[in-house]
């Protein structure tokens, strides 16, 4: 086929149960479309062609971002066709075959789009009746879903009247994704589409077909009576909200499902919103055995930081006070020994002054490893002796910008920056007093090496102790979390199993703590619920058997 009506056929791209799909071009408006052409076997029955076109026109009234748009419906040379939006992507069934189960976040996003599409169609009286993976196309990036092929959709009775059947008693829809009412040949409404969508979402989430029976009659019986395998067996990471939503969609009775696609879409969007609010939290949240030690370590860390900061600050002040006391003692000793020599020279004329003995004394005293530098200044501010010999006879230069430290009255103590040897120091400037008179001052710088080493050792010991404490807290917290998490996990598993087995189980334990009381409470609740469930089961009418379903299944096969 090269041409159909005004459309130029480019090639065959797929087929469905009733129609072939071609890629075509509309030369009048320059648009590429997907042409759905009714198969030759169905063209022999005029009623089928009429229904094909009628229902396509119904779907053509739909305009939604997640519904494939129908541009044209018509018949050329006795061949009914539908010209629709050509979507560049892959059908969902092929995606599932290639990739397997999808992450639940993607299932939520795509499910919300499909729910909105069905809600839109249902509000306009159009029921799809054949929701299945092959009728859902995903865009190239996999983020957008489009629902297509309303080929078995129908207009609500108020709009178009009762839908005529192709053959007497024939079911419409793909058997594996049928709703129970379709399987039983009963009247259907929009809630049938919701059941089918639930089966699709189940398959997307678990990677398994919801109803896998092979024979048509057995499949119909399975859809009408049996529950699907629990989602958590194949998708343990599925959030409870999404699991409950799918279970509600797959309810056997229509009234137990969502009343509309809008409510379904709202439920899925709530789950998406919850995920957005918890982006900083792991998919299933941190385990209690992880959260508890992290909380304990965090609290302990804050307490240790505050405590260590305060202790180090006080210890540093205490050590500095001891160093200052020791330094002032040395400065006092040097001052007293230099006072006589300075006083003797102060009483002589300048040419007769002899500062050599004072220089020898300073040089000898400076050989002590704890002294970094020493200088003696006379009453006129002239340096008369210095440990390094530099500046002797020159005016004394004060040292501005040095940080003052607490010292005795009459003395100045400041911190000195590191020198050429890399060690810091403490500067002691003391006046030289003799016989009640001032004769100058002593400038003495002592090394801080021992003081800084003592402070560093204290800091290292405290940090080591803090690390040990945090390690102990971490281990205790992990073990404590594990002690709580294990019984809670056991209780959760028992509750899940109880729902499946009608609470015909009990938790055996020998605990005498609060966890044991929790287990006892579960056992009491199970003992109360079990006979009630057993009584309800006995009072119920016998379930539908194969004889109830076989007629509908036989009609489907016809």
Protein backbone atom coordinates (compact mmCIF):
# COMPACT_ATOMS: atom_id res chain seq x y z
CA UNK A 1 0.00 0.00 0.00
CA UNK A 2 1.53 3.29 -1.16
CA UNK A 3 -1.37 5.64 -0.65
CA UNK A 4 -4.60 5.75 1.33
CA UNK A 5 -6.83 8.67 0.59
CA UNK A 6 -4.68 11.80 0.74
CA UNK A 7 -2.04 10.11 2.89
CA UNK A 8 1.24 8.79 1.49
CA UNK A 9 2.27 5.52 3.20
CA UNK A 10 5.97 5.42 4.19
CA UNK A 11 6.08 1.96 5.78
CA UNK A 12 4.59 -0.57 8.16
CA UNK A 13 5.53 0.07 11.82
CA UNK A 14 3.30 -2.30 13.81
CA UNK A 15 -0.02 -4.02 14.27
CA UNK A 16 -2.71 -4.65 16.85
CA UNK A 17 -5.49 -7.16 17.23
CA UNK A 18 -7.82 -5.38 14.78
CA UNK A 19 -5.60 -3.02 12.78
CA UNK A 20 -2.23 -2.52 11.12
CA UNK A 21 -0.22 0.63 11.83
CA UNK A 22 1.70 2.51 9.12
CA UNK A 23 3.92 5.55 9.10
CA UNK A 24 2.35 8.03 6.71
CA UNK A 25 2.63 11.61 5.52
CA UNK A 26 -0.14 14.15 5.02
CA UNK A 27 1.06 16.31 2.09
CA UNK A 28 -1.70 18.88 2.54
CA UNK A 29 -0.28 20.14 5.87
CA UNK A 30 3.15 18.49 5.80
CA UNK A 31 2.59 16.35 8.90
CA UNK A 32 3.86 12.85 9.62
CA UNK A 33 1.22 10.64 11.23
CA UNK A 34 0.59 7.09 12.35
CA UNK A 35 -2.11 5.47 10.20
CA UNK A 36 -4.19 2.77 11.87
CA UNK A 37 -5.90 0.67 9.19
CA UNK A 38 -8.56 -1.95 9.92
CA UNK A 39 -7.38 -5.42 8.95
CA UNK A 40 -8.89 -7.06 5.89
CA UNK A 41 -10.54 -9.86 7.88
CA UNK A 42 -12.61 -7.31 9.81
CA UNK A 43 -13.58 -5.22 6.79
CA UNK A 44 -15.94 -7.96 5.61
CA UNK A 45 -18.35 -7.14 8.43
CA UNK A 46 -19.72 -3.60 7.92
CA UNK A 47 -20.74 -3.38 11.59
CA UNK A 48 -17.12 -3.81 12.68
CA UNK A 49 -15.94 -1.03 10.37
CA UNK A 50 -18.74 1.20 11.56
CA UNK A 51 -17.86 0.58 15.18
CA UNK A 52 -14.16 1.11 14.42
CA UNK A 53 -14.86 4.57 12.98
CA UNK A 54 -17.51 5.51 15.53
CA UNK A 55 -15.30 4.78 18.50
CA UNK A 56 -12.31 6.48 16.84
CA UNK A 57 -14.41 9.64 16.47
CA UNK A 58 -15.23 9.40 20.17
CA UNK A 59 -11.56 9.19 21.02
CA UNK A 60 -10.85 12.01 18.55
CA UNK A 61 -12.70 14.39 20.84
CA UNK A 62 -10.04 13.81 23.51
CA UNK A 63 -7.18 16.29 23.78
CA UNK A 64 -4.79 15.52 26.64
CA UNK A 65 -0.97 15.53 27.00
CA UNK A 66 -1.01 11.84 27.93
CA UNK A 67 -3.45 10.66 25.24
CA UNK A 68 -2.31 10.14 21.65
CA UNK A 69 -4.10 12.76 19.54
CA UNK A 70 -6.35 11.60 16.69
CA UNK A 71 -6.17 13.97 13.71
CA UNK A 72 -8.49 12.33 11.20
CA UNK A 73 -10.96 9.44 10.92
CA UNK A 74 -12.31 8.24 7.61
CA UNK A 75 -12.66 5.61 4.94
CA UNK A 76 -10.89 5.42 1.59
CA UNK A 77 -11.58 2.76 -1.05
CA UNK A 78 -13.57 0.79 1.51
CA UNK A 79 -10.68 0.80 4.02
CA UNK A 80 -11.46 2.42 7.40
CA UNK A 81 -8.50 4.31 8.85
CA UNK A 82 -7.46 6.53 11.73
CA UNK A 83 -4.71 9.16 11.34
CA UNK A 84 -3.17 9.85 14.73
CA UNK A 85 -0.19 11.40 16.43
CA UNK A 86 3.10 9.63 15.66
CA UNK A 87 4.94 9.20 18.96
CA UNK A 88 8.70 8.70 18.85
CA UNK A 89 9.28 6.12 21.56
CA UNK A 90 8.66 2.51 22.54
CA UNK A 91 5.59 0.63 23.76
CA UNK A 92 5.64 -0.14 27.46
CA UNK A 93 5.54 -3.90 26.89
CA UNK A 94 8.81 -3.77 24.93
CA UNK A 95 10.39 -1.56 27.59
CA UNK A 96 9.44 -4.05 30.31
CA UNK A 97 10.79 -6.95 28.25
CA UNK A 98 14.12 -5.16 27.78
CA UNK A 99 14.56 -3.54 31.21
CA UNK A 100 12.48 -5.62 33.64
CA UNK A 101 10.89 -4.01 36.68
CA UNK A 102 11.01 -0.25 37.02
CA UNK A 103 12.06 1.83 40.06
CA UNK A 104 8.99 2.73 42.08
CA UNK A 105 9.68 6.47 41.57
CA UNK A 106 9.27 6.01 37.82
CA UNK A 107 6.15 3.87 38.31
CA UNK A 108 4.64 6.65 40.42
CA UNK A 109 5.41 9.34 37.84
CA UNK A 110 4.12 7.36 34.84
CA UNK A 111 1.13 6.02 36.80
CA UNK A 112 0.07 9.55 37.75
CA UNK A 113 0.15 10.56 34.07
CA UNK A 114 -1.96 7.57 33.02
CA UNK A 115 -4.40 8.20 35.86
CA UNK A 116 -4.85 11.77 34.67
CA UNK A 117 -5.40 10.56 31.09
CA UNK A 118 -8.11 8.10 32.17
CA UNK A 119 -9.74 10.69 34.42
CA UNK A 120 -9.92 13.09 31.48
CA UNK A 121 -11.43 10.46 29.15
CA UNK A 122 -13.91 9.17 31.75
CA UNK A 123 -15.17 12.68 32.47
CA UNK A 124 -16.07 12.90 28.76
CA UNK A 125 -17.86 9.59 28.74
CA UNK A 126 -15.14 7.53 27.02
CA UNK A 127 -14.11 4.19 28.55
CA UNK A 128 -10.95 2.69 27.10
CA UNK A 129 -11.69 -0.98 27.93
CA UNK A 130 -8.29 -2.19 26.72
CA UNK A 131 -5.61 -0.62 28.95
CA UNK A 132 -2.47 -2.74 28.57
CA UNK A 133 1.30 -2.18 28.18
CA UNK A 134 1.21 -2.40 24.38
CA UNK A 135 -1.33 0.45 24.33
CA UNK A 136 0.99 2.71 26.35
CA UNK A 137 3.85 4.46 24.55
CA UNK A 138 6.81 5.94 26.42
CA UNK A 139 8.71 8.90 25.02
CA UNK A 140 12.34 8.55 24.06
CA UNK A 141 13.52 9.83 27.45
CA UNK A 142 11.10 7.45 29.19
CA UNK A 143 9.54 10.24 31.26
CA UNK A 144 6.23 10.71 29.42
CA UNK A 145 3.50 8.11 28.89
CA UNK A 146 0.86 8.33 26.17
CA UNK A 147 -2.29 6.21 26.20
CA UNK A 148 -3.45 5.19 22.76
CA UNK A 149 -5.67 2.77 20.91
CA UNK A 150 -9.16 3.59 22.07
CA UNK A 151 -10.18 1.05 19.42
CA UNK A 152 -12.46 -0.77 21.86
CA UNK A 153 -13.50 2.35 23.74
CA UNK A 154 -17.10 3.39 23.76
CA UNK A 155 -19.09 6.50 24.28
CA UNK A 156 -21.26 6.53 27.38
CA UNK A 157 -24.83 5.58 26.87
CA UNK A 158 -25.98 9.14 27.45
CA UNK A 159 -23.87 10.31 24.53
CA UNK A 160 -24.12 7.59 21.91
CA UNK A 161 -26.42 4.86 23.20
CA UNK A 162 -25.73 1.20 23.82
CA UNK A 163 -22.54 -0.10 22.17
CA UNK A 164 -23.27 -2.82 19.64
CA UNK A 165 -21.26 -6.03 19.99
CA UNK A 166 -19.33 -7.39 17.06
CA UNK A 167 -20.52 -10.89 17.79
CA UNK A 168 -23.16 -12.07 20.20
CA UNK A 169 -21.79 -12.16 23.71
CA UNK A 170 -18.21 -11.28 22.72
CA UNK A 171 -15.99 -9.70 25.39
CA UNK A 172 -14.02 -6.60 24.45
CA UNK A 173 -10.48 -6.16 25.80
CA UNK A 174 -7.21 -8.06 26.17
CA UNK A 175 -7.83 -11.09 28.45
CA UNK A 176 -4.69 -10.81 30.60
CA UNK A 177 -5.54 -7.24 31.67
CA UNK A 178 -9.33 -7.62 31.85
CA UNK A 179 -11.26 -6.61 34.92
CA UNK A 180 -13.28 -9.28 36.78
CA UNK A 181 -16.52 -7.88 35.37
CA UNK A 182 -15.12 -8.18 31.85
CA UNK A 183 -13.97 -11.75 32.55
CA UNK A 184 -17.49 -12.62 33.72
CA UNK A 185 -19.18 -10.91 30.77
CA UNK A 186 -20.86 -8.37 33.05
CA UNK A 187 -21.53 -4.69 32.27
CA UNK A 188 -18.47 -2.48 32.73
CA UNK A 189 -17.86 1.17 33.46
CA UNK A 190 -14.85 3.43 33.93
CA UNK A 191 -13.71 1.44 37.00
CA UNK A 192 -12.86 -1.44 34.69
CA UNK A 193 -10.12 0.74 33.18
CA UNK A 194 -8.77 1.40 36.69
CA UNK A 195 -8.47 -2.34 37.35
CA UNK A 196 -6.58 -2.81 34.08
CA UNK A 197 -4.28 0.09 34.96
CA UNK A 198 -3.66 -1.54 38.34
CA UNK A 199 -2.54 -4.72 36.56
CA UNK A 200 -0.20 -2.64 34.38
CA UNK A 201 1.29 -0.78 37.37
CA UNK A 202 1.75 -4.09 39.19
CA UNK A 203 3.74 -5.44 36.25
CA UNK A 204 5.82 -2.26 36.00
CA UNK A 205 6.66 -2.39 39.70
CA UNK A 206 7.33 -6.11 40.13
CA UNK A 207 8.43 -7.14 36.65
CA UNK A 208 5.82 -9.93 36.83
CA UNK A 209 2.47 -10.28 35.08
CA UNK A 210 -0.35 -9.82 37.58
CA UNK A 211 -2.36 -12.77 36.25
CA UNK A 212 -0.20 -15.40 34.60
CA UNK A 213 -2.54 -18.32 33.93
CA UNK A 214 -2.09 -19.85 30.47
CA UNK A 215 -5.57 -21.09 29.52
CA UNK A 216 -8.28 -18.54 28.78
CA UNK A 217 -10.81 -20.12 31.15
CA UNK A 218 -8.20 -20.48 33.91
CA UNK A 219 -7.09 -16.89 33.36
CA UNK A 220 -10.66 -15.60 33.64
CA UNK A 221 -11.12 -17.59 36.83
CA UNK A 222 -7.84 -16.24 38.24
CA UNK A 223 -8.81 -12.63 37.46
CA UNK A 224 -12.26 -13.06 38.99
CA UNK A 225 -11.21 -14.83 42.19
CA UNK A 226 -7.50 -14.91 43.01
CA UNK A 227 -5.34 -12.21 44.53
CA UNK A 228 -2.05 -11.26 42.95
CA UNK A 229 1.22 -12.29 44.61
CA UNK A 230 2.26 -9.75 47.29
CA UNK A 231 4.13 -6.83 45.80
CA UNK A 232 6.80 -6.85 48.50
CA UNK A 233 8.05 -10.26 47.36
CA UNK A 234 9.32 -8.76 44.12
CA UNK A 235 9.63 -5.07 45.09
CA UNK A 236 10.69 -4.83 48.72
CA UNK A 237 11.51 -1.13 48.25
CA UNK A 238 7.94 -0.23 47.26
CA UNK A 239 6.46 2.44 49.58
CA UNK A 240 3.34 1.32 51.50
CA UNK A 241 1.27 4.08 49.87
CA UNK A 242 1.97 2.88 46.33
CA UNK A 243 1.43 -0.75 47.34
CA UNK A 244 -1.95 0.08 48.87
CA UNK A 245 -2.93 2.10 45.80
CA UNK A 246 -2.26 -0.82 43.46
CA UNK A 247 -4.04 -3.25 45.78
CA UNK A 248 -7.06 -0.93 45.79
CA UNK A 249 -7.02 -0.77 41.97
CA UNK A 250 -6.97 -4.58 41.81
CA UNK A 251 -9.98 -5.03 44.09
CA UNK A 252 -12.38 -7.60 42.65
CA UNK A 253 -15.47 -5.48 43.27
CA UNK A 254 -15.68 -2.17 41.34
CA UNK A 255 -17.05 -0.30 44.37
CA UNK A 256 -13.88 -1.17 46.32
CA UNK A 257 -11.65 0.54 43.75
CA UNK A 258 -11.08 4.26 43.35
CA UNK A 259 -14.29 5.98 42.38
CA UNK A 260 -12.57 7.88 39.57
CA UNK A 261 -9.27 8.35 37.79
CA UNK A 262 -9.04 11.76 39.44
CA UNK A 263 -8.90 10.20 42.91
CA UNK A 264 -6.29 7.73 41.67
CA UNK A 265 -4.17 10.52 40.21
CA UNK A 266 -4.44 12.47 43.46
CA UNK A 267 -3.29 9.44 45.46
CA UNK A 268 -0.25 8.93 43.22
CA UNK A 269 0.61 12.63 43.32
CA UNK A 270 0.49 12.52 47.13
CA UNK A 271 3.06 9.72 47.03
CA UNK A 272 5.22 11.75 44.63
CA UNK A 273 4.94 14.73 46.97
CA UNK A 274 6.03 12.59 49.89
CA UNK A 275 9.08 11.47 47.92
CA UNK A 276 9.99 15.09 47.10
CA UNK A 277 9.72 16.03 50.77
CA UNK A 278 12.00 13.14 51.74
CA UNK A 279 14.69 13.60 49.07
CA UNK A 280 17.39 13.81 51.73
CA UNK A 281 16.32 10.51 53.22
CA UNK A 282 17.27 7.12 51.84
CA UNK A 283 14.62 5.23 49.86
CA UNK A 284 13.38 3.16 52.78
CA UNK A 285 14.86 5.43 55.43
CA UNK A 286 17.84 4.61 57.61
CA UNK A 287 17.59 1.54 59.73
CA UNK A 288 17.06 2.05 63.45
CA UNK A 289 20.39 0.35 64.10
CA UNK A 290 22.00 3.12 62.04
CA UNK A 291 19.90 6.09 63.14
CA UNK A 292 20.27 5.42 66.87
CA UNK A 293 24.10 5.37 66.91
CA UNK A 294 24.23 8.41 64.62
CA UNK A 295 21.99 10.36 66.98
CA UNK A 296 24.01 9.28 70.03
CA UNK A 297 27.31 10.09 68.33
CA UNK A 298 25.99 13.50 67.25
CA UNK A 299 24.87 14.41 70.76
CA UNK A 300 28.12 13.07 72.26
CA UNK A 301 30.17 15.00 69.71
CA UNK A 302 28.48 18.28 70.59
CA UNK A 303 29.00 17.65 74.32
CA UNK A 304 32.65 16.70 73.80
CA UNK A 305 33.41 19.72 71.61
CA UNK A 306 32.00 22.08 74.22
CA UNK A 307 33.75 20.28 77.08
CA UNK A 308 37.13 19.97 75.35
CA UNK A 309 37.05 23.61 74.25
CA UNK A 310 36.40 24.75 77.82
CA UNK A 311 39.00 22.38 79.32
CA UNK A 312 41.71 23.33 76.81
CA UNK A 313 41.04 27.02 77.34
CA UNK A 314 41.37 26.71 81.12
CA UNK A 315 44.39 24.42 80.88
CA UNK A 316 46.13 26.77 78.49
CA UNK A 317 45.58 29.70 80.87
CA UNK A 318 46.90 27.62 83.76
CA UNK A 319 50.02 26.56 81.87
CA UNK A 320 50.64 30.11 80.67
CA UNK A 321 50.30 31.35 84.22
CA UNK A 322 52.92 28.83 85.35
CA UNK A 323 55.22 29.86 82.49
CA UNK A 324 54.77 33.54 83.32
CA UNK A 325 55.57 32.91 86.99
CA UNK A 326 58.71 31.00 86.03
CA UNK A 327 59.73 33.67 83.53
CA UNK A 328 59.24 36.48 86.00
CA UNK A 329 61.44 34.63 88.47
CA UNK A 330 64.21 34.42 85.86
CA UNK A 331 63.69 38.08 84.89
CA UNK A 332 63.92 39.13 88.56
CA UNK A 333 67.17 37.19 89.01
CA UNK A 334 68.73 38.77 85.91
CA UNK A 335 67.52 42.24 86.93
CA UNK A 336 69.05 42.01 90.40
CA UNK A 337 72.40 40.80 89.05
CA UNK A 338 72.54 43.53 86.42
CA UNK A 339 71.36 46.32 88.74
CA UNK A 340 74.75 46.85 90.47
CA UNK A 341 76.66 47.08 87.19
CA UNK A 342 74.10 49.45 85.66
CA UNK A 343 74.00 51.65 88.80
CA UNK A 344 77.83 51.87 88.90
CA UNK A 345 78.03 53.05 85.31
CA UNK A 346 75.14 55.46 85.73
CA UNK A 347 77.16 57.47 88.30
CA UNK A 348 80.18 57.90 85.99
CA UNK A 349 80.75 60.29 83.13
CA UNK A 350 80.08 58.75 79.77
CA UNK A 351 83.76 58.39 78.75
CA UNK A 352 84.51 56.52 81.99
CA UNK A 353 81.58 54.07 81.77
CA UNK A 354 82.56 50.40 81.31
CA UNK A 355 79.78 48.16 80.02
CA UNK A 356 81.99 45.15 79.16
CA UNK A 357 81.29 43.27 82.43
CA UNK A 358 77.53 43.72 81.83
CA UNK A 359 77.88 42.41 78.27
CA UNK A 360 79.81 39.38 79.56
CA UNK A 361 77.11 38.71 82.12
CA UNK A 362 74.34 38.93 79.53
CA UNK A 363 76.19 36.67 77.07
CA UNK A 364 76.76 34.07 79.79
CA UNK A 365 73.12 34.17 80.98
CA UNK A 366 71.79 33.92 77.39
CA UNK A 367 73.47 30.54 76.96
CA UNK A 368 70.56 29.00 78.90
CA UNK A 369 68.45 27.01 76.40
CA UNK A 370 65.23 28.56 77.66
CA UNK A 371 66.36 32.13 76.86
CA UNK A 372 65.82 33.33 73.32
CA UNK A 373 67.22 36.88 73.68
CA UNK A 374 68.23 39.39 76.38
CA UNK A 375 68.99 43.11 76.40
CA UNK A 376 69.86 45.68 79.10
CA UNK A 377 68.72 49.30 78.52
CA UNK A 378 70.01 52.25 80.58
CA UNK A 379 67.90 55.06 81.97
CA UNK A 380 68.38 57.08 78.76
CA UNK A 381 66.91 54.30 76.58
CA UNK A 382 70.26 53.15 75.14
CA UNK A 383 70.99 49.43 74.77
CA UNK A 384 74.12 48.74 76.86
CA UNK A 385 74.23 44.91 76.54
CA UNK A 386 72.51 42.32 74.31
CA UNK A 387 72.70 38.56 73.86
CA UNK A 388 73.24 38.82 70.11
CA UNK A 389 75.55 41.88 70.35
CA UNK A 390 73.43 43.76 67.82
CA UNK A 391 72.01 47.12 68.68
CA UNK A 392 74.46 47.78 71.55
CA UNK A 393 74.89 51.52 71.89
CA UNK A 394 71.74 52.13 69.84
CA UNK A 395 68.39 53.47 71.14
CA UNK A 396 66.03 50.76 72.40
CA UNK A 397 63.23 49.95 69.97
CA UNK A 398 59.87 49.09 71.51
CA UNK A 399 57.86 46.17 70.18
CA UNK A 400 54.34 47.33 69.26
CA UNK A 401 51.59 44.90 68.23
CA UNK A 402 52.62 42.09 70.56
CA UNK A 403 49.73 40.51 72.48
CA UNK A 404 49.97 41.36 76.19
CA UNK A 405 49.75 38.64 78.83
CA UNK A 406 48.87 38.87 82.54
CA UNK A 407 52.00 39.74 84.58
CA UNK A 408 52.98 41.26 87.91
CA UNK A 409 52.56 44.91 88.64
CA UNK A 410 55.38 47.00 87.23
CA UNK A 411 56.31 44.37 84.62
CA UNK A 412 55.17 43.87 81.03
CA UNK A 413 54.62 40.41 79.58
CA UNK A 414 53.75 39.92 75.90
CA UNK A 415 53.59 37.08 73.38
CA UNK A 416 56.32 37.16 70.74
CA UNK A 417 55.93 35.78 67.22
CA UNK A 418 58.04 32.83 66.08
CA UNK A 419 61.64 33.71 65.32
CA UNK A 420 64.18 32.28 62.90
CA UNK A 421 64.30 29.02 64.87
CA UNK A 422 60.52 28.59 64.51
CA UNK A 423 59.77 28.93 68.21
CA UNK A 424 57.53 31.57 69.74
CA UNK A 425 58.36 33.39 72.94
CA UNK A 426 57.23 35.47 75.90
CA UNK A 427 58.80 38.92 76.37
CA UNK A 428 59.39 40.17 79.92
CA UNK A 429 60.26 43.87 80.29
CA UNK A 430 61.18 44.74 83.93
CA UNK A 431 62.56 47.98 85.39
CA UNK A 432 66.03 47.98 87.01
CA UNK A 433 65.71 49.40 90.50
CA UNK A 434 68.62 49.98 92.88
CA UNK A 435 68.51 51.85 96.16
CA UNK A 436 65.00 53.07 95.31
CA UNK A 437 65.97 54.59 91.97
CA UNK A 438 65.30 53.49 88.35
CA UNK A 439 68.38 52.83 86.23
CA UNK A 440 66.83 51.40 83.10
CA UNK A 441 65.13 48.07 82.21
CA UNK A 442 65.68 44.45 81.21
CA UNK A 443 64.17 43.02 77.98
CA UNK A 444 64.09 39.21 78.32
CA UNK A 445 62.49 36.82 75.81
CA UNK A 446 61.92 33.21 76.94
CA UNK A 447 61.11 30.42 74.51
CA UNK A 448 57.55 28.97 74.50
CA UNK A 449 58.67 25.57 73.18
CA UNK A 450 57.98 23.66 76.39
CA UNK A 451 54.70 25.53 76.96
CA UNK A 452 53.42 24.92 73.42
CA UNK A 453 54.45 21.27 73.62
CA UNK A 454 52.55 20.82 76.88
CA UNK A 455 49.44 22.44 75.37
CA UNK A 456 49.70 20.28 72.21
CA UNK A 457 50.08 17.11 74.28
CA UNK A 458 47.03 18.00 76.37
CA UNK A 459 45.03 18.68 73.20
CA UNK A 460 46.09 15.38 71.64
CA UNK A 461 45.22 13.42 74.78
CA UNK A 462 41.78 15.02 75.01
CA UNK A 463 41.05 14.43 71.32
CA UNK A 464 42.14 10.81 71.67
CA UNK A 465 39.89 10.39 74.66
CA UNK A 466 37.02 11.99 72.71
CA UNK A 467 37.57 9.62 69.79
CA UNK A 468 37.56 6.64 72.13
CA UNK A 469 34.35 7.83 73.80
CA UNK A 470 32.65 8.37 70.44
CA UNK A 471 33.71 4.91 69.25
CA UNK A 472 32.29 3.34 72.41
CA UNK A 473 29.06 5.34 71.99
CA UNK A 474 28.85 4.31 68.33
CA UNK A 475 29.20 0.61 69.17
CA UNK A 476 26.73 0.83 72.05
CA UNK A 477 24.26 2.74 69.86
CA UNK A 478 24.54 0.20 67.03
CA UNK A 479 24.05 -2.74 69.38
CA UNK A 480 21.13 -0.98 71.07
CA UNK A 481 19.52 -0.21 67.70
CA UNK A 482 19.97 -3.82 66.62
CA UNK A 483 18.38 -5.04 69.85
CA UNK A 484 15.31 -2.93 69.09
CA UNK A 485 15.26 -3.34 65.28
CA UNK A 486 15.29 -7.16 65.28
CA UNK A 487 12.14 -7.65 67.37
CA UNK A 488 10.37 -4.81 65.52
CA UNK A 489 11.23 -6.46 62.22
CA UNK A 490 9.96 -9.75 63.58
CA UNK A 491 6.72 -8.10 64.66
CA UNK A 492 6.26 -6.40 61.26
CA UNK A 493 6.90 -9.69 59.44
CA UNK A 494 4.42 -11.46 61.71
CA UNK A 495 1.75 -8.84 61.03
CA UNK A 496 2.25 -9.21 57.27
CA UNK A 497 2.00 -12.99 57.52
CA UNK A 498 -1.02 -12.70 59.81
CA UNK A 499 -2.91 -10.74 57.16
CA UNK A 500 -2.31 -13.57 54.68
CA UNK A 501 -3.01 -16.45 57.06
CA UNK A 502 -5.99 -15.03 58.89
CA UNK A 503 -4.00 -14.38 62.10
CA UNK A 504 -3.51 -18.13 62.55
CA UNK A 505 -0.02 -17.63 64.00
CA UNK A 506 1.59 -16.52 67.25
CA UNK A 507 4.95 -15.05 68.22
CA UNK A 508 6.95 -17.33 70.50
CA UNK A 509 9.32 -15.56 72.90
CA UNK A 510 10.78 -15.56 76.40
CA UNK A 511 11.24 -11.83 76.79
CA UNK A 512 10.13 -10.05 79.97
CA UNK A 513 10.66 -6.50 78.80
CA UNK A 514 8.57 -3.99 76.86
CA UNK A 515 9.21 -5.87 73.58
CA UNK A 516 7.85 -9.03 75.19
CA UNK A 517 4.74 -7.09 76.24
CA UNK A 518 4.36 -5.94 72.62
CA UNK A 519 4.59 -9.56 71.39
CA UNK A 520 2.00 -10.60 73.97
CA UNK A 521 -0.33 -7.83 72.78
CA UNK A 522 -0.01 -9.10 69.20
CA UNK A 523 -0.76 -12.67 70.30
CA UNK A 524 -3.86 -11.50 72.20
CA UNK A 525 -5.07 -9.51 69.19
CA UNK A 526 -4.49 -12.49 66.87
CA UNK A 527 -6.36 -14.81 69.25
CA UNK A 528 -9.34 -12.41 69.16
CA UNK A 529 -9.35 -11.82 65.40
CA UNK A 530 -8.75 -15.39 64.19
CA UNK A 531 -12.14 -16.87 65.23
CA UNK A 532 -13.95 -13.81 63.88
CA UNK A 533 -12.31 -14.24 60.47
CA UNK A 534 -13.01 -17.96 60.52
CA UNK A 535 -16.69 -17.31 61.26
CA UNK A 536 -16.97 -14.81 58.41
CA UNK A 537 -15.35 -17.21 55.97
CA UNK A 538 -17.75 -20.00 56.91
CA UNK A 539 -20.75 -17.69 56.57
CA UNK A 540 -19.81 -16.44 53.10
CA UNK A 541 -21.39 -17.78 49.92
CA UNK A 542 -19.26 -20.28 47.99
CA UNK A 543 -16.80 -18.54 45.73
CA UNK A 544 -17.29 -18.42 41.99
CA UNK A 545 -16.07 -21.62 40.36
CA UNK A 546 -15.03 -22.42 36.85
CA UNK A 547 -18.60 -23.08 35.76
CA UNK A 548 -19.43 -19.42 36.42
CA UNK A 549 -16.55 -18.17 34.33
CA UNK A 550 -16.36 -20.69 31.55
CA UNK A 551 -19.31 -19.26 29.63
CA UNK A 552 -17.71 -15.82 29.49
CA UNK A 553 -14.33 -17.28 28.63
CA UNK A 554 -15.89 -19.41 25.91
CA UNK A 555 -17.57 -16.37 24.46
CA UNK A 556 -14.22 -14.55 24.45
CA UNK A 557 -12.64 -17.38 22.54
CA UNK A 558 -15.46 -17.42 19.98
